[in-house]
PDB file of N, CA and C in Angstrom:
ATOM      1  N   UNK A   1       1.990   9.601  13.248  1.00  0.00           N
ATOM      2  CA  UNK A   1       3.279   8.910  13.063  1.00  0.00           C
ATOM      3  C   UNK A   1       3.682   9.232  11.596  1.00  0.00           C
ATOM      4  N   UNK A   2       5.030   9.706  11.428  1.00  0.00           N
ATOM      5  CA  UNK A   2       5.532   9.976  10.076  1.00  0.00           C
ATOM      6  C   UNK A   2       5.924   8.656   9.410  1.00  0.00           C
ATOM      7  N   UNK A   3       6.220   8.795   8.149  1.00  0.00           N
ATOM      8  CA  UNK A   3       6.843   7.625   7.508  1.00  0.00           C
ATOM      9  C   UNK A   3       8.132   7.208   8.012  1.00  0.00           C
ATOM     10  N   UNK A   4       8.910   8.251   8.349  1.00  0.00           N
ATOM     11  CA  UNK A   4      10.273   7.947   8.982  1.00  0.00           C
ATOM     12  C   UNK A   4      10.086   7.188  10.218  1.00  0.00           C
ATOM     13  N   UNK A   5       9.132   7.596  11.063  1.00  0.00           N
ATOM     14  CA  UNK A   5       8.943   6.882  12.377  1.00  0.00           C
ATOM     15  C   UNK A   5       8.438   5.564  12.144  1.00  0.00           C
ATOM     16  N   UNK A   6       7.618   5.304  11.166  1.00  0.00           N
ATOM     17  CA  UNK A   6       7.007   4.026  10.813  1.00  0.00           C
ATOM     18  C   UNK A   6       8.230   3.080  10.411  1.00  0.00           C
ATOM     19  N   UNK A   7       9.175   3.569   9.601  1.00  0.00           N
ATOM     20  CA  UNK A   7      10.261   2.811   9.127  1.00  0.00           C
ATOM     21  C   UNK A   7      11.152   2.482  10.306  1.00  0.00           C
ATOM     22  N   UNK A   8      11.409   3.347  11.236  1.00  0.00           N
ATOM     23  CA  UNK A   8      12.122   3.071  12.443  1.00  0.00           C
ATOM     24  C   UNK A   8      11.460   2.000  13.284  1.00  0.00           C
ATOM     25  N   UNK A   9      10.088   2.157  13.493  1.00  0.00           N
ATOM     26  CA  UNK A   9       9.396   1.290  14.323  1.00  0.00           C
ATOM     27  C   UNK A   9       9.382  -0.207  13.771  1.00  0.00           C
ATOM     28  N   UNK A  10       9.235  -0.318  12.421  1.00  0.00           N
ATOM     29  CA  UNK A  10       9.259  -1.634  11.821  1.00  0.00           C
ATOM     30  C   UNK A  10      10.728  -2.225  12.002  1.00  0.00           C
ATOM     31  N   UNK A  11      11.652  -1.401  11.779  1.00  0.00           N
ATOM     32  CA  UNK A  11      13.086  -1.877  11.876  1.00  0.00           C
ATOM     33  C   UNK A  11      13.353  -2.341  13.287  1.00  0.00           C
ATOM     34  N   UNK A  12      12.912  -1.661  14.287  1.00  0.00           N
ATOM     35  CA  UNK A  12      13.073  -1.988  15.644  1.00  0.00           C
ATOM     36  C   UNK A  12      12.339  -3.341  15.933  1.00  0.00           C
ATOM     37  N   UNK A  13      11.071  -3.479  15.449  1.00  0.00           N
ATOM     38  CA  UNK A  13      10.280  -4.676  15.654  1.00  0.00           C
ATOM     39  C   UNK A  13      10.980  -5.912  15.044  1.00  0.00           C
ATOM     40  N   UNK A  14      11.435  -5.755  13.802  1.00  0.00           N
ATOM     41  CA  UNK A  14      12.138  -6.805  13.148  1.00  0.00           C
ATOM     42  C   UNK A  14      13.347  -7.266  14.016  1.00  0.00           C
ATOM     43  N   UNK A  15      14.195  -6.325  14.395  1.00  0.00           N
ATOM     44  CA  UNK A  15      15.396  -6.639  15.118  1.00  0.00           C
ATOM     45  C   UNK A  15      15.031  -7.212  16.456  1.00  0.00           C
ATOM     46  N   UNK A  16      13.873  -6.914  17.093  1.00  0.00           N
ATOM     47  CA  UNK A  16      13.538  -7.373  18.456  1.00  0.00           C
ATOM     48  C   UNK A  16      12.821  -8.753  18.384  1.00  0.00           C
ATOM     49  N   UNK A  17      11.879  -8.881  17.434  1.00  0.00           N
ATOM     50  CA  UNK A  17      11.055  -9.978  17.400  1.00  0.00           C
ATOM     51  C   UNK A  17      11.089 -10.901  16.168  1.00  0.00           C
ATOM     52  N   UNK A  18      11.659 -10.287  15.096  1.00  0.00           N
ATOM     53  CA  UNK A  18      11.622 -11.008  13.790  1.00  0.00           C
ATOM     54  C   UNK A  18      12.991 -11.678  13.486  1.00  0.00           C
ATOM     55  N   UNK A  19      14.002 -11.558  14.335  1.00  0.00           N
ATOM     56  CA  UNK A  19      15.280 -12.078  14.166  1.00  0.00           C
ATOM     57  C   UNK A  19      16.014 -11.305  13.042  1.00  0.00           C
ATOM     58  N   UNK A  20      15.472 -11.318  11.854  1.00  0.00           N
ATOM     59  CA  UNK A  20      15.995 -10.552  10.697  1.00  0.00           C
ATOM     60  C   UNK A  20      14.981 -10.443   9.648  1.00  0.00           C
ATOM     61  N   UNK A  21      15.242  -9.554   8.647  1.00  0.00           N
ATOM     62  CA  UNK A  21      14.225  -9.352   7.487  1.00  0.00           C
ATOM     63  C   UNK A  21      14.266 -10.599   6.699  1.00  0.00           C
ATOM     64  N   UNK A  22      13.105 -11.017   6.133  1.00  0.00           N
ATOM     65  CA  UNK A  22      13.118 -11.998   5.094  1.00  0.00           C
ATOM     66  C   UNK A  22      13.917 -11.351   3.883  1.00  0.00           C
ATOM     67  N   UNK A  23      14.297 -12.098   2.988  1.00  0.00           N
ATOM     68  CA  UNK A  23      14.946 -11.622   1.760  1.00  0.00           C
ATOM     69  C   UNK A  23      14.053 -10.615   0.964  1.00  0.00           C
ATOM     70  N   UNK A  24      14.663  -9.799   0.170  1.00  0.00           N
ATOM     71  CA  UNK A  24      13.825  -8.946  -0.573  1.00  0.00           C
ATOM     72  C   UNK A  24      12.894  -9.653  -1.486  1.00  0.00           C
ATOM     73  N   UNK A  25      13.327 -10.707  -2.069  1.00  0.00           N
ATOM     74  CA  UNK A  25      12.469 -11.485  -3.023  1.00  0.00           C
ATOM     75  C   UNK A  25      11.305 -12.150  -2.263  1.00  0.00           C
ATOM     76  N   UNK A  26      11.583 -12.752  -1.014  1.00  0.00           N
ATOM     77  CA  UNK A  26      10.504 -13.183  -0.244  1.00  0.00           C
ATOM     78  C   UNK A  26       9.538 -12.120   0.126  1.00  0.00           C
ATOM     79  N   UNK A  27      10.044 -10.979   0.551  1.00  0.00           N
ATOM     80  CA  UNK A  27       9.137  -9.881   0.862  1.00  0.00           C
ATOM     81  C   UNK A  27       8.327  -9.387  -0.286  1.00  0.00           C
ATOM     82  N   UNK A  28       8.868  -9.446  -1.494  1.00  0.00           N
ATOM     83  CA  UNK A  28       8.132  -9.044  -2.608  1.00  0.00           C
ATOM     84  C   UNK A  28       6.940 -10.021  -2.837  1.00  0.00           C
ATOM     85  N   UNK A  29       7.240 -11.297  -2.631  1.00  0.00           N
ATOM     86  CA  UNK A  29       6.216 -12.391  -2.837  1.00  0.00           C
ATOM     87  C   UNK A  29       5.149 -12.161  -1.649  1.00  0.00           C
ATOM     88  N   UNK A  30       5.551 -11.845  -0.510  1.00  0.00           N
ATOM     89  CA  UNK A  30       4.629 -11.602   0.621  1.00  0.00           C
ATOM     90  C   UNK A  30       3.797 -10.373   0.320  1.00  0.00           C
ATOM     91  N   UNK A  31       4.471  -9.384  -0.192  1.00  0.00           N
ATOM     92  CA  UNK A  31       3.675  -8.087  -0.559  1.00  0.00           C
ATOM     93  C   UNK A  31       2.596  -8.404  -1.659  1.00  0.00           C
ATOM     94  N   UNK A  32       2.897  -9.150  -2.625  1.00  0.00           N
ATOM     95  CA  UNK A  32       1.930  -9.549  -3.604  1.00  0.00           C
ATOM     96  C   UNK A  32       0.766 -10.356  -2.949  1.00  0.00           C
ATOM     97  N   UNK A  33       1.076 -11.295  -2.091  1.00  0.00           N
ATOM     98  CA  UNK A  33       0.054 -12.037  -1.362  1.00  0.00           C
ATOM     99  C   UNK A  33      -0.828 -11.046  -0.466  1.00  0.00           C
ATOM    100  N   UNK A  34      -0.239 -10.183   0.119  1.00  0.00           N
ATOM    101  CA  UNK A  34      -1.023  -9.235   1.019  1.00  0.00           C
ATOM    102  C   UNK A  34      -1.933  -8.314   0.127  1.00  0.00           C
ATOM    103  N   UNK A  35      -1.436  -7.923  -1.031  1.00  0.00           N
ATOM    104  CA  UNK A  35      -2.277  -7.045  -1.923  1.00  0.00           C
ATOM    105  C   UNK A  35      -3.367  -7.907  -2.436  1.00  0.00           C
ATOM    106  N   UNK A  36      -3.163  -9.245  -2.707  1.00  0.00           N
ATOM    107  CA  UNK A  36      -4.138 -10.053  -3.085  1.00  0.00           C
ATOM    108  C   UNK A  36      -5.343 -10.249  -2.039  1.00  0.00           C
ATOM    109  N   UNK A  37      -4.958 -10.313  -0.792  1.00  0.00           N
ATOM    110  CA  UNK A  37      -5.960 -10.392   0.277  1.00  0.00           C
ATOM    111  C   UNK A  37      -6.722  -9.042   0.371  1.00  0.00           C
ATOM    112  N   UNK A  38      -5.990  -7.927   0.172  1.00  0.00           N
ATOM    113  CA  UNK A  38      -6.730  -6.691   0.121  1.00  0.00           C
ATOM    114  C   UNK A  38      -7.758  -6.523  -1.106  1.00  0.00           C
ATOM    115  N   UNK A  39      -7.287  -7.037  -2.139  1.00  0.00           N
ATOM    116  CA  UNK A  39      -8.177  -7.087  -3.386  1.00  0.00           C
ATOM    117  C   UNK A  39      -9.305  -7.925  -3.146  1.00  0.00           C
ATOM    118  N   UNK A  40      -9.238  -9.065  -2.400  1.00  0.00           N
ATOM    119  CA  UNK A  40     -10.381 -10.017  -2.128  1.00  0.00           C
ATOM    120  C   UNK A  40     -11.451  -9.220  -1.400  1.00  0.00           C
ATOM    121  N   UNK A  41     -11.013  -8.518  -0.379  1.00  0.00           N
ATOM    122  CA  UNK A  41     -11.944  -7.684   0.438  1.00  0.00           C
ATOM    123  C   UNK A  41     -12.631  -6.604  -0.373  1.00  0.00           C
ATOM    124  N   UNK A  42     -11.849  -5.899  -1.124  1.00  0.00           N
ATOM    125  CA  UNK A  42     -12.384  -4.825  -1.929  1.00  0.00           C
ATOM    126  C   UNK A  42     -13.417  -5.420  -2.986  1.00  0.00           C
ATOM    127  N   UNK A  43     -12.991  -6.412  -3.627  1.00  0.00           N
ATOM    128  CA  UNK A  43     -13.851  -7.124  -4.578  1.00  0.00           C
ATOM    129  C   UNK A  43     -15.165  -7.546  -4.029  1.00  0.00           C
ATOM    130  N   UNK A  44     -15.186  -7.985  -2.835  1.00  0.00           N
ATOM    131  CA  UNK A  44     -16.375  -8.534  -2.181  1.00  0.00           C
ATOM    132  C   UNK A  44     -17.254  -7.382  -1.564  1.00  0.00           C
ATOM    133  N   UNK A  45     -16.541  -6.349  -1.057  1.00  0.00           N
ATOM    134  CA  UNK A  45     -17.270  -5.232  -0.375  1.00  0.00           C
ATOM    135  C   UNK A  45     -17.770  -4.288  -1.453  1.00  0.00           C
ATOM    136  N   UNK A  46     -17.010  -3.969  -2.494  1.00  0.00           N
ATOM    137  CA  UNK A  46     -17.456  -2.980  -3.412  1.00  0.00           C
ATOM    138  C   UNK A  46     -17.707  -3.395  -4.784  1.00  0.00           C
ATOM    139  N   UNK A  47     -17.433  -4.651  -5.045  1.00  0.00           N
ATOM    140  CA  UNK A  47     -17.580  -5.253  -6.342  1.00  0.00           C
ATOM    141  C   UNK A  47     -18.776  -6.184  -6.371  1.00  0.00           C
ATOM    142  N   UNK A  48     -18.825  -7.061  -7.367  1.00  0.00           N
ATOM    143  CA  UNK A  48     -20.041  -7.807  -7.497  1.00  0.00           C
ATOM    144  C   UNK A  48     -19.876  -9.241  -6.901  1.00  0.00           C
ATOM    145  N   UNK A  49     -18.609  -9.533  -6.309  1.00  0.00           N
ATOM    146  CA  UNK A  49     -18.467 -10.801  -5.746  1.00  0.00           C
ATOM    147  C   UNK A  49     -19.112 -10.825  -4.338  1.00  0.00           C
ATOM    148  N   UNK A  50     -19.666 -12.066  -3.962  1.00  0.00           N
ATOM    149  CA  UNK A  50     -20.186 -12.251  -2.645  1.00  0.00           C
ATOM    150  C   UNK A  50     -19.112 -12.797  -1.659  1.00  0.00           C
ATOM    151  N   UNK A  51     -19.347 -12.456  -0.397  1.00  0.00           N
ATOM    152  CA  UNK A  51     -18.490 -13.081   0.640  1.00  0.00           C
ATOM    153  C   UNK A  51     -18.629 -14.562   0.839  1.00  0.00           C
ATOM    154  N   UNK A  52     -17.538 -15.200   1.051  1.00  0.00           N
ATOM    155  CA  UNK A  52     -17.563 -16.677   1.457  1.00  0.00           C
ATOM    156  C   UNK A  52     -17.262 -16.690   2.949  1.00  0.00           C
ATOM    157  N   UNK A  53     -17.640 -17.829   3.486  1.00  0.00           N
ATOM    158  CA  UNK A  53     -17.379 -18.001   4.921  1.00  0.00           C
ATOM    159  C   UNK A  53     -15.879 -17.709   5.253  1.00  0.00           C
ATOM    160  N   UNK A  54     -15.000 -18.164   4.420  1.00  0.00           N
ATOM    161  CA  UNK A  54     -13.582 -18.004   4.651  1.00  0.00           C
ATOM    162  C   UNK A  54     -13.103 -16.568   4.544  1.00  0.00           C
ATOM    163  N   UNK A  55     -13.902 -15.701   3.937  1.00  0.00           N
ATOM    164  CA  UNK A  55     -13.595 -14.289   3.788  1.00  0.00           C
ATOM    165  C   UNK A  55     -13.815 -13.509   5.086  1.00  0.00           C
ATOM    166  N   UNK A  56     -14.578 -14.062   5.959  1.00  0.00           N
ATOM    167  CA  UNK A  56     -14.955 -13.276   7.109  1.00  0.00           C
ATOM    168  C   UNK A  56     -13.800 -13.008   8.121  1.00  0.00           C
ATOM    169  N   UNK A  57     -12.684 -13.787   7.923  1.00  0.00           N
ATOM    170  CA  UNK A  57     -11.472 -13.512   8.786  1.00  0.00           C
ATOM    171  C   UNK A  57     -10.765 -12.268   8.351  1.00  0.00           C
ATOM    172  N   UNK A  58     -10.942 -11.757   7.133  1.00  0.00           N
ATOM    173  CA  UNK A  58     -10.258 -10.625   6.654  1.00  0.00           C
ATOM    174  C   UNK A  58     -10.854  -9.297   7.093  1.00  0.00           C
ATOM    175  N   UNK A  59     -10.040  -8.308   7.397  1.00  0.00           N
ATOM    176  CA  UNK A  59     -10.378  -7.006   7.784  1.00  0.00           C
ATOM    177  C   UNK A  59      -9.742  -5.947   6.861  1.00  0.00           C
ATOM    178  N   UNK A  60     -10.513  -5.088   6.287  1.00  0.00           N
ATOM    179  CA  UNK A  60      -9.942  -4.093   5.323  1.00  0.00           C
ATOM    180  C   UNK A  60      -8.887  -3.385   5.941  1.00  0.00           C
ATOM    181  N   UNK A  61      -9.045  -2.751   7.094  1.00  0.00           N
ATOM    182  CA  UNK A  61      -7.978  -1.921   7.620  1.00  0.00           C
ATOM    183  C   UNK A  61      -6.675  -2.744   7.965  1.00  0.00           C
ATOM    184  N   UNK A  62      -6.889  -3.974   8.463  1.00  0.00           N
ATOM    185  CA  UNK A  62      -5.800  -4.861   8.836  1.00  0.00           C
ATOM    186  C   UNK A  62      -5.015  -5.235   7.595  1.00  0.00           C
ATOM    187  N   UNK A  63      -5.723  -5.502   6.494  1.00  0.00           N
ATOM    188  CA  UNK A  63      -5.072  -5.852   5.250  1.00  0.00           C
ATOM    189  C   UNK A  63      -4.301  -4.704   4.696  1.00  0.00           C
ATOM    190  N   UNK A  64      -4.774  -3.556   4.729  1.00  0.00           N
ATOM    191  CA  UNK A  64      -4.115  -2.327   4.311  1.00  0.00           C
ATOM    192  C   UNK A  64      -2.826  -2.191   5.099  1.00  0.00           C
ATOM    193  N   UNK A  65      -2.949  -2.403   6.431  1.00  0.00           N
ATOM    194  CA  UNK A  65      -1.759  -2.245   7.333  1.00  0.00           C
ATOM    195  C   UNK A  65      -0.746  -3.330   6.963  1.00  0.00           C
ATOM    196  N   UNK A  66      -1.152  -4.548   6.583  1.00  0.00           N
ATOM    197  CA  UNK A  66      -0.278  -5.624   6.199  1.00  0.00           C
ATOM    198  C   UNK A  66       0.561  -5.181   4.983  1.00  0.00           C
ATOM    199  N   UNK A  67      -0.153  -4.625   4.008  1.00  0.00           N
ATOM    200  CA  UNK A  67       0.485  -4.106   2.754  1.00  0.00           C
ATOM    201  C   UNK A  67       1.622  -3.103   3.149  1.00  0.00           C
ATOM    202  N   UNK A  68       1.169  -2.163   3.942  1.00  0.00           N
ATOM    203  CA  UNK A  68       2.063  -1.047   4.435  1.00  0.00           C
ATOM    204  C   UNK A  68       3.285  -1.678   5.086  1.00  0.00           C
ATOM    205  N   UNK A  69       3.012  -2.593   6.032  1.00  0.00           N
ATOM    206  CA  UNK A  69       4.177  -3.225   6.752  1.00  0.00           C
ATOM    207  C   UNK A  69       5.215  -3.800   5.832  1.00  0.00           C
ATOM    208  N   UNK A  70       4.790  -4.586   4.882  1.00  0.00           N
ATOM    209  CA  UNK A  70       5.763  -5.222   3.984  1.00  0.00           C
ATOM    210  C   UNK A  70       6.407  -4.287   3.095  1.00  0.00           C
ATOM    211  N   UNK A  71       5.647  -3.230   2.645  1.00  0.00           N
ATOM    212  CA  UNK A  71       6.279  -2.149   1.886  1.00  0.00           C
ATOM    213  C   UNK A  71       7.357  -1.483   2.614  1.00  0.00           C
ATOM    214  N   UNK A  72       7.073  -1.177   3.884  1.00  0.00           N
ATOM    215  CA  UNK A  72       8.176  -0.533   4.719  1.00  0.00           C
ATOM    216  C   UNK A  72       9.316  -1.501   4.962  1.00  0.00           C
ATOM    217  N   UNK A  73       9.101  -2.783   5.086  1.00  0.00           N
ATOM    218  CA  UNK A  73      10.142  -3.719   5.166  1.00  0.00           C
ATOM    219  C   UNK A  73      11.039  -3.645   3.965  1.00  0.00           C
ATOM    220  N   UNK A  74      10.452  -3.583   2.835  1.00  0.00           N
ATOM    221  CA  UNK A  74      11.192  -3.579   1.489  1.00  0.00           C
ATOM    222  C   UNK A  74      12.001  -2.253   1.500  1.00  0.00           C
ATOM    223  N   UNK A  75      11.330  -1.137   1.857  1.00  0.00           N
ATOM    224  CA  UNK A  75      12.057   0.154   1.900  1.00  0.00           C
ATOM    225  C   UNK A  75      13.198   0.093   2.771  1.00  0.00           C
ATOM    226  N   UNK A  76      13.120  -0.407   3.959  1.00  0.00           N
ATOM    227  CA  UNK A  76      14.166  -0.469   4.935  1.00  0.00           C
ATOM    228  C   UNK A  76      15.294  -1.347   4.325  1.00  0.00           C
ATOM    229  N   UNK A  77      15.001  -2.440   3.717  1.00  0.00           N
ATOM    230  CA  UNK A  77      15.991  -3.400   3.210  1.00  0.00           C
ATOM    231  C   UNK A  77      16.807  -2.784   2.082  1.00  0.00           C
ATOM    232  N   UNK A  78      16.152  -1.927   1.253  1.00  0.00           N
ATOM    233  CA  UNK A  78      16.680  -1.313   0.057  1.00  0.00           C
ATOM    234  C   UNK A  78      17.153  -0.030   0.228  1.00  0.00           C
ATOM    235  N   UNK A  79      17.102   0.576   1.446  1.00  0.00           N
ATOM    236  CA  UNK A  79      17.649   1.870   1.720  1.00  0.00           C
ATOM    237  C   UNK A  79      16.779   3.011   1.151  1.00  0.00           C
ATOM    238  N   UNK A  80      15.494   2.776   1.028  1.00  0.00           N
ATOM    239  CA  UNK A  80      14.685   3.868   0.473  1.00  0.00           C
ATOM    240  C   UNK A  80      14.067   4.620   1.668  1.00  0.00           C
ATOM    241  N   UNK A  81      14.190   5.946   1.645  1.00  0.00           N
ATOM    242  CA  UNK A  81      13.487   6.820   2.584  1.00  0.00           C
ATOM    243  C   UNK A  81      12.153   7.105   2.045  1.00  0.00           C
ATOM    244  N   UNK A  82      11.151   6.453   2.658  1.00  0.00           N
ATOM    245  CA  UNK A  82       9.740   6.572   2.080  1.00  0.00           C
ATOM    246  C   UNK A  82       9.236   7.913   2.262  1.00  0.00           C
ATOM    247  N   UNK A  83       9.555   8.677   3.231  1.00  0.00           N
ATOM    248  CA  UNK A  83       9.054   9.995   3.432  1.00  0.00           C
ATOM    249  C   UNK A  83       9.574  10.888   2.301  1.00  0.00           C
ATOM    250  N   UNK A  84      10.813  10.795   1.984  1.00  0.00           N
ATOM    251  CA  UNK A  84      11.332  11.625   0.875  1.00  0.00           C
ATOM    252  C   UNK A  84      10.852  11.104  -0.433  1.00  0.00           C
ATOM    253  N   UNK A  85      10.792   9.780  -0.633  1.00  0.00           N
ATOM    254  CA  UNK A  85      10.246   9.238  -1.868  1.00  0.00           C
ATOM    255  C   UNK A  85       8.765   9.640  -2.105  1.00  0.00           C
ATOM    256  N   UNK A  86       7.986   9.657  -0.996  1.00  0.00           N
ATOM    257  CA  UNK A  86       6.550  10.099  -1.182  1.00  0.00           C
ATOM    258  C   UNK A  86       6.516  11.565  -1.462  1.00  0.00           C
ATOM    259  N   UNK A  87       7.312  12.380  -0.828  1.00  0.00           N
ATOM    260  CA  UNK A  87       7.284  13.819  -1.212  1.00  0.00           C
ATOM    261  C   UNK A  87       7.680  14.063  -2.602  1.00  0.00           C
ATOM    262  N   UNK A  88       8.762  13.307  -3.123  1.00  0.00           N
ATOM    263  CA  UNK A  88       9.105  13.422  -4.473  1.00  0.00           C
ATOM    264  C   UNK A  88       7.977  12.976  -5.427  1.00  0.00           C
ATOM    265  N   UNK A  89       7.272  11.895  -5.074  1.00  0.00           N
ATOM    266  CA  UNK A  89       6.271  11.389  -5.879  1.00  0.00           C
ATOM    267  C   UNK A  89       5.135  12.366  -6.050  1.00  0.00           C
ATOM    268  N   UNK A  90       4.737  12.988  -4.888  1.00  0.00           N
ATOM    269  CA  UNK A  90       3.613  13.992  -4.968  1.00  0.00           C
ATOM    270  C   UNK A  90       4.043  15.100  -5.891  1.00  0.00           C
ATOM    271  N   UNK A  91       5.329  15.639  -5.746  1.00  0.00           N
ATOM    272  CA  UNK A  91       5.777  16.683  -6.581  1.00  0.00           C
ATOM    273  C   UNK A  91       5.697  16.265  -8.055  1.00  0.00           C
ATOM    274  N   UNK A  92       6.117  15.019  -8.428  1.00  0.00           N
ATOM    275  CA  UNK A  92       6.184  14.556  -9.797  1.00  0.00           C
ATOM    276  C   UNK A  92       4.698  14.461 -10.316  1.00  0.00           C
ATOM    277  N   UNK A  93       3.755  13.905  -9.487  1.00  0.00           N
ATOM    278  CA  UNK A  93       2.415  13.890  -9.969  1.00  0.00           C
ATOM    279  C   UNK A  93       1.791  15.207 -10.135  1.00  0.00           C
ATOM    280  N   UNK A  94       2.126  16.207  -9.288  1.00  0.00           N
ATOM    281  CA  UNK A  94       1.596  17.546  -9.345  1.00  0.00           C
ATOM    282  C   UNK A  94       2.002  18.179 -10.585  1.00  0.00           C
ATOM    283  N   UNK A  95       3.326  18.197 -10.899  1.00  0.00           N
ATOM    284  CA  UNK A  95       3.880  18.732 -12.141  1.00  0.00           C
ATOM    285  C   UNK A  95       3.194  18.098 -13.354  1.00  0.00           C
ATOM    286  N   UNK A  96       3.115  16.742 -13.357  1.00  0.00           N
ATOM    287  CA  UNK A  96       2.666  16.045 -14.558  1.00  0.00           C
ATOM    288  C   UNK A  96       1.200  16.223 -14.756  1.00  0.00           C
ATOM    289  N   UNK A  97       0.429  16.175 -13.660  1.00  0.00           N
ATOM    290  CA  UNK A  97      -0.984  16.053 -13.780  1.00  0.00           C
ATOM    291  C   UNK A  97      -1.753  17.299 -13.319  1.00  0.00           C
ATOM    292  N   UNK A  98      -1.120  18.513 -13.265  1.00  0.00           N
ATOM    293  CA  UNK A  98      -1.655  19.780 -12.846  1.00  0.00           C
ATOM    294  C   UNK A  98      -2.976  19.980 -13.500  1.00  0.00           C
ATOM    295  N   UNK A  99      -3.081  19.736 -14.803  1.00  0.00           N
ATOM    296  CA  UNK A  99      -4.291  19.990 -15.508  1.00  0.00           C
ATOM    297  C   UNK A  99      -4.986  18.770 -16.134  1.00  0.00           C
ATOM    298  N   UNK A 100      -4.259  17.688 -16.188  1.00  0.00           N
ATOM    299  CA  UNK A 100      -4.698  16.509 -16.842  1.00  0.00           C
ATOM    300  C   UNK A 100      -5.996  15.963 -16.408  1.00  0.00           C
ATOM    301  N   UNK A 101      -6.112  15.765 -15.079  1.00  0.00           N
ATOM    302  CA  UNK A 101      -7.414  15.216 -14.554  1.00  0.00           C
ATOM    303  C   UNK A 101      -8.598  16.236 -14.693  1.00  0.00           C
ATOM    304  N   UNK A 102      -8.311  17.451 -14.622  1.00  0.00           N
ATOM    305  CA  UNK A 102      -9.410  18.511 -14.731  1.00  0.00           C
ATOM    306  C   UNK A 102     -10.017  18.438 -16.134  1.00  0.00           C
ATOM    307  N   UNK A 103      -9.104  18.140 -17.121  1.00  0.00           N
ATOM    308  CA  UNK A 103      -9.523  18.099 -18.462  1.00  0.00           C
ATOM    309  C   UNK A 103     -10.166  16.704 -18.941  1.00  0.00           C
ATOM    310  N   UNK A 104     -10.141  15.706 -18.051  1.00  0.00           N
ATOM    311  CA  UNK A 104     -10.647  14.373 -18.283  1.00  0.00           C
ATOM    312  C   UNK A 104     -12.188  14.413 -18.237  1.00  0.00           C
ATOM    313  N   UNK A 105     -12.819  14.242 -19.423  1.00  0.00           N
ATOM    314  CA  UNK A 105     -14.285  14.239 -19.414  1.00  0.00           C
ATOM    315  C   UNK A 105     -14.914  13.184 -18.577  1.00  0.00           C
ATOM    316  N   UNK A 106     -14.225  12.088 -18.437  1.00  0.00           N
ATOM    317  CA  UNK A 106     -14.757  10.943 -17.639  1.00  0.00           C
ATOM    318  C   UNK A 106     -14.866  11.363 -16.095  1.00  0.00           C
ATOM    319  N   UNK A 107     -13.981  12.279 -15.669  1.00  0.00           N
ATOM    320  CA  UNK A 107     -13.957  12.709 -14.329  1.00  0.00           C
ATOM    321  C   UNK A 107     -14.737  14.007 -14.011  1.00  0.00           C
ATOM    322  N   UNK A 108     -15.053  14.685 -15.152  1.00  0.00           N
ATOM    323  CA  UNK A 108     -15.733  15.849 -14.936  1.00  0.00           C
ATOM    324  C   UNK A 108     -17.154  15.711 -14.573  1.00  0.00           C
ATOM    325  N   UNK A 109     -17.620  16.246 -13.451  1.00  0.00           N
ATOM    326  CA  UNK A 109     -19.005  15.945 -12.953  1.00  0.00           C
ATOM    327  C   UNK A 109     -20.019  16.564 -13.774  1.00  0.00           C
ATOM    328  N   UNK A 110     -19.735  17.576 -14.571  1.00  0.00           N
ATOM    329  CA  UNK A 110     -20.605  18.292 -15.486  1.00  0.00           C
ATOM    330  C   UNK A 110     -20.939  17.469 -16.750  1.00  0.00           C
ATOM    331  N   UNK A 111     -20.090  16.518 -17.063  1.00  0.00           N
ATOM    332  CA  UNK A 111     -20.200  15.726 -18.230  1.00  0.00           C
ATOM    333  C   UNK A 111     -20.100  14.193 -18.025  1.00  0.00           C
ATOM    334  N   UNK A 112     -21.259  13.653 -17.583  1.00  0.00           N
ATOM    335  CA  UNK A 112     -21.397  12.204 -17.303  1.00  0.00           C
ATOM    336  C   UNK A 112     -21.398  11.477 -18.562  1.00  0.00           C
ATOM    337  N   UNK A 113     -20.545  10.529 -18.625  1.00  0.00           N
ATOM    338  CA  UNK A 113     -20.524   9.665 -19.968  1.00  0.00           C
ATOM    339  C   UNK A 113     -20.806   8.234 -19.601  1.00  0.00           C
TER     340      UNK A 113
END
């Protein structure tokens, strides 16, 4: 599925089942909430925090999909073509960082600090 197809699918779902989009501000708050749920799983899976009983309801892939869903909603609401925006972003990063990370001693596997 392309990002364009994902945007169309979310828009169709909203218009069929969701009645209408939540406001942009509400969706921004929801996005923040979803990122927090994703961070909780990452912190407990890869960090030093231990899982609580209430954490067992969370699934890493599902939380990532929730973040993507709300981001797509915001893109649809604000007229952002995510496919084009992502292509532009890759080009920007490529031009800006073409040598930057290769020169970073912290990332260089030959020089562990």
